Amino acid sequence: MTDAVKIDIWSDVACPWCYIGKRKFEEGARRAEVPVEVEYHSFELSPDTPETYAGSTAEYLSKHKGLPIADAHRMLDQVTAIAASVGLHYDFDTVVHTKTLLAHELLHAAKAQGRQLETAEVVFRAYFEQGRHVGRIDDLVELGVEAGLNPDVTRAALESHEYVGDVQADIAQAVAYGIRGVPFFVIDGRYGVSGAQDPEVFADALRQVAAEQESVR
């Protein structure tokens, strides 16, 4: 029996490719039939984003990427189609852009309560499919409850910024690894996979690690 393979994933809850990559990784793990232990790590793509950005997603993308607004709309349409191909229903018209630091703190609070994976799924879905705010404490506590977190413990952690040091440590580790974009997957602490790759890429990497485990038994 292969031991569970540790998967460390650097991502940002506001990164559309991270949610897509999550689905593609999950499919790769299913195909490989290799047990995995997943941990999410923090990465802020746009740390200068305000708590609530007033413009649309297309306007946000146009401003940050220096794209004509028509090109931004086309890019969003392409991403929406790719998301749909893995069963996700992105609604960029309702996305509320926000600074994601508090959401990352929530994911660390969820890890401490043993519910990080469930919380990551709830937060991604809230942001990309449901048009919900993921940058305010009240909203994040509500999302945490949906993921099975204790509301009082979670609120106390967010209000005191108990896990902000853990978020900063994740970002520092990303810099040390040379990670410049997300999602980024570190498999068994040894192999890196960058981006929302095809599921078979993840499956092959997991099979390789499993074979290496068996060879040293």
Protein backbone atom coordinates (compact mmCIF):
# COMPACT_ATOMS: atom_id res chain seq x y z
CA MET A 1 0.00 0.00 0.00
CA THR A 2 1.45 3.35 -1.09
CA ASP A 3 1.74 5.97 1.62
CA ALA A 4 -0.24 9.16 1.06
CA VAL A 5 1.76 11.53 -1.12
CA LYS A 6 2.07 15.03 0.34
CA ILE A 7 0.87 17.76 -2.01
CA ASP A 8 1.59 21.39 -1.15
CA ILE A 9 -0.42 23.80 -3.29
CA TRP A 10 0.33 27.51 -3.50
CA SER A 11 -2.72 29.37 -4.72
CA ASP A 12 -4.79 32.52 -4.40
CA VAL A 13 -8.54 32.33 -3.88
CA ALA A 14 -8.97 35.09 -6.50
CA CYS A 15 -7.00 33.15 -9.13
CA PRO A 16 -9.29 31.57 -11.73
CA TRP A 17 -6.62 29.11 -12.83
CA CYS A 18 -6.21 27.93 -9.23
CA TYR A 19 -9.78 26.65 -9.01
CA ILE A 20 -9.45 25.08 -12.46
CA GLY A 21 -6.12 23.59 -11.41
CA LYS A 22 -7.74 22.21 -8.26
CA ARG A 23 -10.25 20.30 -10.36
CA LYS A 24 -7.60 19.06 -12.79
CA PHE A 25 -5.38 17.89 -9.93
CA GLU A 26 -8.30 16.08 -8.29
CA GLU A 27 -9.01 14.29 -11.55
CA GLY A 28 -5.33 13.39 -11.92
CA ALA A 29 -5.25 11.93 -8.41
CA ARG A 30 -8.41 9.94 -9.17
CA ARG A 31 -6.84 8.50 -12.33
CA ALA A 32 -3.56 7.67 -10.59
CA GLU A 33 -5.37 5.93 -7.71
CA VAL A 34 -2.68 7.22 -5.39
CA PRO A 35 -3.68 8.50 -1.94
CA VAL A 36 -2.76 12.13 -1.37
CA GLU A 37 -2.52 14.53 1.56
CA VAL A 38 -3.18 18.07 0.36
CA GLU A 39 -2.23 21.30 2.09
CA TYR A 40 -2.97 24.77 0.74
CA HIS A 41 -0.47 27.61 1.04
CA SER A 42 -0.98 31.33 0.61
CA PHE A 43 -0.04 33.48 -2.36
CA GLU A 44 -1.36 36.99 -3.02
CA LEU A 45 -1.44 37.83 -6.72
CA SER A 46 -2.61 41.42 -6.15
CA PRO A 47 -1.85 42.47 -2.57
CA ASP A 48 -2.68 46.10 -3.40
CA THR A 49 -6.34 45.30 -4.17
CA PRO A 50 -8.74 47.23 -1.88
CA GLU A 51 -11.32 45.52 0.31
CA THR A 52 -13.92 46.15 -2.38
CA TYR A 53 -12.93 47.04 -5.95
CA ALA A 54 -15.65 49.18 -7.51
CA GLY A 55 -15.21 48.16 -11.16
CA SER A 56 -16.08 45.07 -13.16
CA THR A 57 -13.84 42.06 -13.66
CA ALA A 58 -13.13 43.13 -17.22
CA GLU A 59 -12.17 46.62 -16.02
CA TYR A 60 -9.96 45.13 -13.31
CA LEU A 61 -8.22 42.86 -15.82
CA SER A 62 -7.84 45.67 -18.34
CA LYS A 63 -6.22 47.91 -15.74
CA HIS A 64 -3.86 45.33 -14.27
CA LYS A 65 -2.83 43.68 -17.53
CA GLY A 66 -2.84 46.81 -19.68
CA LEU A 67 -5.35 45.25 -22.08
CA PRO A 68 -8.04 46.89 -24.18
CA ILE A 69 -11.41 46.21 -22.56
CA ALA A 70 -12.54 44.09 -25.52
CA ASP A 71 -9.51 41.84 -25.11
CA ALA A 72 -10.25 41.54 -21.40
CA HIS A 73 -13.79 40.37 -22.18
CA ARG A 74 -12.47 37.81 -24.68
CA MET A 75 -9.96 36.50 -22.13
CA LEU A 76 -12.69 36.11 -19.52
CA ASP A 77 -14.88 34.25 -22.01
CA GLN A 78 -12.01 31.85 -22.72
CA VAL A 79 -11.38 31.22 -19.02
CA THR A 80 -15.10 30.69 -18.42
CA ALA A 81 -15.19 28.06 -21.17
CA ILE A 82 -12.16 26.25 -19.76
CA ALA A 83 -13.71 26.32 -16.28
CA ALA A 84 -16.91 24.84 -17.71
CA SER A 85 -14.90 21.99 -19.22
CA VAL A 86 -13.98 20.85 -15.70
CA GLY A 87 -17.47 21.35 -14.27
CA LEU A 88 -17.12 24.88 -12.87
CA HIS A 89 -19.58 27.68 -13.58
CA TYR A 90 -17.69 30.95 -13.42
CA ASP A 91 -19.75 34.13 -13.29
CA PHE A 92 -17.31 36.99 -13.77
CA ASP A 93 -20.17 39.48 -13.96
CA THR A 94 -20.82 39.00 -10.24
CA VAL A 95 -17.25 38.50 -8.92
CA VAL A 96 -16.41 40.91 -6.10
CA HIS A 97 -12.71 41.75 -6.33
CA THR A 98 -11.08 42.14 -2.95
CA LYS A 99 -7.79 41.82 -1.10
CA THR A 100 -7.41 38.12 -0.28
CA LEU A 101 -5.23 38.31 2.84
CA LEU A 102 -8.14 37.60 5.21
CA ALA A 103 -9.29 34.68 3.06
CA HIS A 104 -5.81 33.18 3.38
CA GLU A 105 -5.97 33.68 7.13
CA LEU A 106 -9.28 31.79 7.05
CA LEU A 107 -7.64 28.87 5.25
CA HIS A 108 -4.99 28.66 7.96
CA ALA A 109 -7.68 28.83 10.65
CA ALA A 110 -9.45 26.03 8.81
CA LYS A 111 -6.27 23.97 8.74
CA ALA A 112 -6.05 24.30 12.53
CA GLN A 113 -9.62 22.98 12.74
CA GLY A 114 -8.95 20.12 10.31
CA ARG A 115 -11.22 21.51 7.58
CA GLN A 116 -8.87 23.26 5.16
CA LEU A 117 -9.81 21.36 2.01
CA GLU A 118 -13.52 21.83 2.61
CA THR A 119 -12.99 25.53 3.29
CA ALA A 120 -10.89 26.06 0.16
CA GLU A 121 -13.68 24.58 -1.95
CA VAL A 122 -16.34 26.75 -0.28
CA VAL A 123 -14.29 29.94 -0.72
CA PHE A 124 -13.40 29.27 -4.36
CA ARG A 125 -17.04 28.53 -5.17
CA ALA A 126 -18.24 31.61 -3.30
CA TYR A 127 -15.85 33.86 -5.20
CA PHE A 128 -16.10 32.54 -8.75
CA GLU A 129 -19.61 31.08 -8.93
CA GLN A 130 -21.72 32.87 -6.33
CA GLY A 131 -20.54 36.49 -6.40
CA ARG A 132 -19.93 36.57 -2.66
CA HIS A 133 -17.46 38.76 -0.79
CA VAL A 134 -14.36 36.92 0.51
CA GLY A 135 -12.52 39.88 1.99
CA ARG A 136 -14.57 40.75 5.07
CA ILE A 137 -14.66 39.00 8.42
CA ASP A 138 -18.44 38.54 8.66
CA ASP A 139 -18.61 37.01 5.19
CA LEU A 140 -15.63 34.74 5.84
CA VAL A 141 -17.05 33.48 9.13
CA GLU A 142 -20.26 32.63 7.28
CA LEU A 143 -18.30 30.74 4.64
CA GLY A 144 -16.31 28.99 7.34
CA VAL A 145 -19.52 27.77 8.98
CA GLU A 146 -20.62 26.34 5.62
CA ALA A 147 -17.34 24.42 5.56
CA GLY A 148 -17.86 23.08 9.07
CA LEU A 149 -15.77 25.56 11.07
CA ASN A 150 -16.56 26.79 14.56
CA PRO A 151 -17.85 30.36 14.10
CA ASP A 152 -16.56 31.72 17.42
CA VAL A 153 -13.08 30.25 17.04
CA THR A 154 -12.93 31.39 13.43
CA ARG A 155 -14.07 34.94 14.16
CA ALA A 156 -11.56 35.26 17.00
CA ALA A 157 -8.75 34.08 14.72
CA LEU A 158 -9.67 36.55 11.98
CA GLU A 159 -10.22 39.52 14.28
CA SER A 160 -6.88 38.94 16.05
CA HIS A 161 -5.06 38.08 12.78
CA GLU A 162 -3.78 34.99 14.56
CA TYR A 163 -2.57 33.40 11.32
CA VAL A 164 -1.19 36.38 9.44
CA GLY A 165 2.33 35.20 10.26
CA ASP A 166 1.55 31.83 8.67
CA VAL A 167 0.32 33.58 5.53
CA GLN A 168 3.53 35.60 5.37
CA ALA A 169 5.61 32.45 5.92
CA ASP A 170 3.84 30.76 2.99
CA ILE A 171 4.57 33.74 0.74
CA ALA A 172 8.21 33.78 1.85
CA GLN A 173 8.48 30.06 1.08
CA ALA A 174 7.03 30.68 -2.36
CA VAL A 175 9.74 33.27 -2.98
CA ALA A 176 12.38 30.79 -1.78
CA TYR A 177 11.03 28.19 -4.21
CA GLY A 178 11.07 30.74 -7.03
CA ILE A 179 7.29 30.61 -7.46
CA ARG A 180 6.13 33.60 -9.48
CA GLY A 181 2.66 32.46 -10.41
CA VAL A 182 -0.05 30.15 -9.16
CA PRO A 183 -1.28 27.51 -8.94
CA PHE A 184 1.95 25.78 -8.09
CA PHE A 185 2.00 22.19 -6.87
CA VAL A 186 4.89 20.67 -4.90
CA ILE A 187 4.61 16.90 -4.94
CA ASP A 188 6.31 14.90 -2.20
CA GLY A 189 8.46 17.93 -1.41
CA ARG A 190 10.54 17.20 -4.51
CA TYR A 191 8.68 17.78 -7.75
CA GLY A 192 7.08 21.02 -8.87
CA VAL A 193 4.18 21.36 -11.31
CA SER A 194 3.31 24.89 -12.38
CA GLY A 195 -0.12 25.88 -13.64
CA ALA A 196 -3.46 24.19 -14.26
CA GLN A 197 -1.96 21.29 -16.17
CA ASP A 198 -3.82 18.44 -17.83
CA PRO A 199 -4.95 15.81 -15.30
CA GLU A 200 -2.63 13.25 -16.83
CA VAL A 201 0.39 15.40 -15.93
CA PHE A 202 -0.61 15.17 -12.28
CA ALA A 203 -1.45 11.48 -12.61
CA ASP A 204 1.97 10.69 -14.11
CA ALA A 205 3.77 12.61 -11.35
CA LEU A 206 1.81 10.80 -8.65
CA ARG A 207 2.45 7.41 -10.24
CA GLN A 208 6.16 8.20 -10.39
CA VAL A 209 6.30 9.14 -6.71
CA ALA A 210 4.30 6.04 -5.76
CA ALA A 211 6.68 3.84 -7.77
CA GLU A 212 9.66 5.45 -6.05
CA GLN A 213 8.08 4.78 -2.66
CA GLU A 214 7.61 1.13 -3.54
CA SER A 215 11.17 0.77 -4.82
CA VAL A 216 12.69 1.70 -1.48
CA ARG A 217 10.50 -0.56 0.66
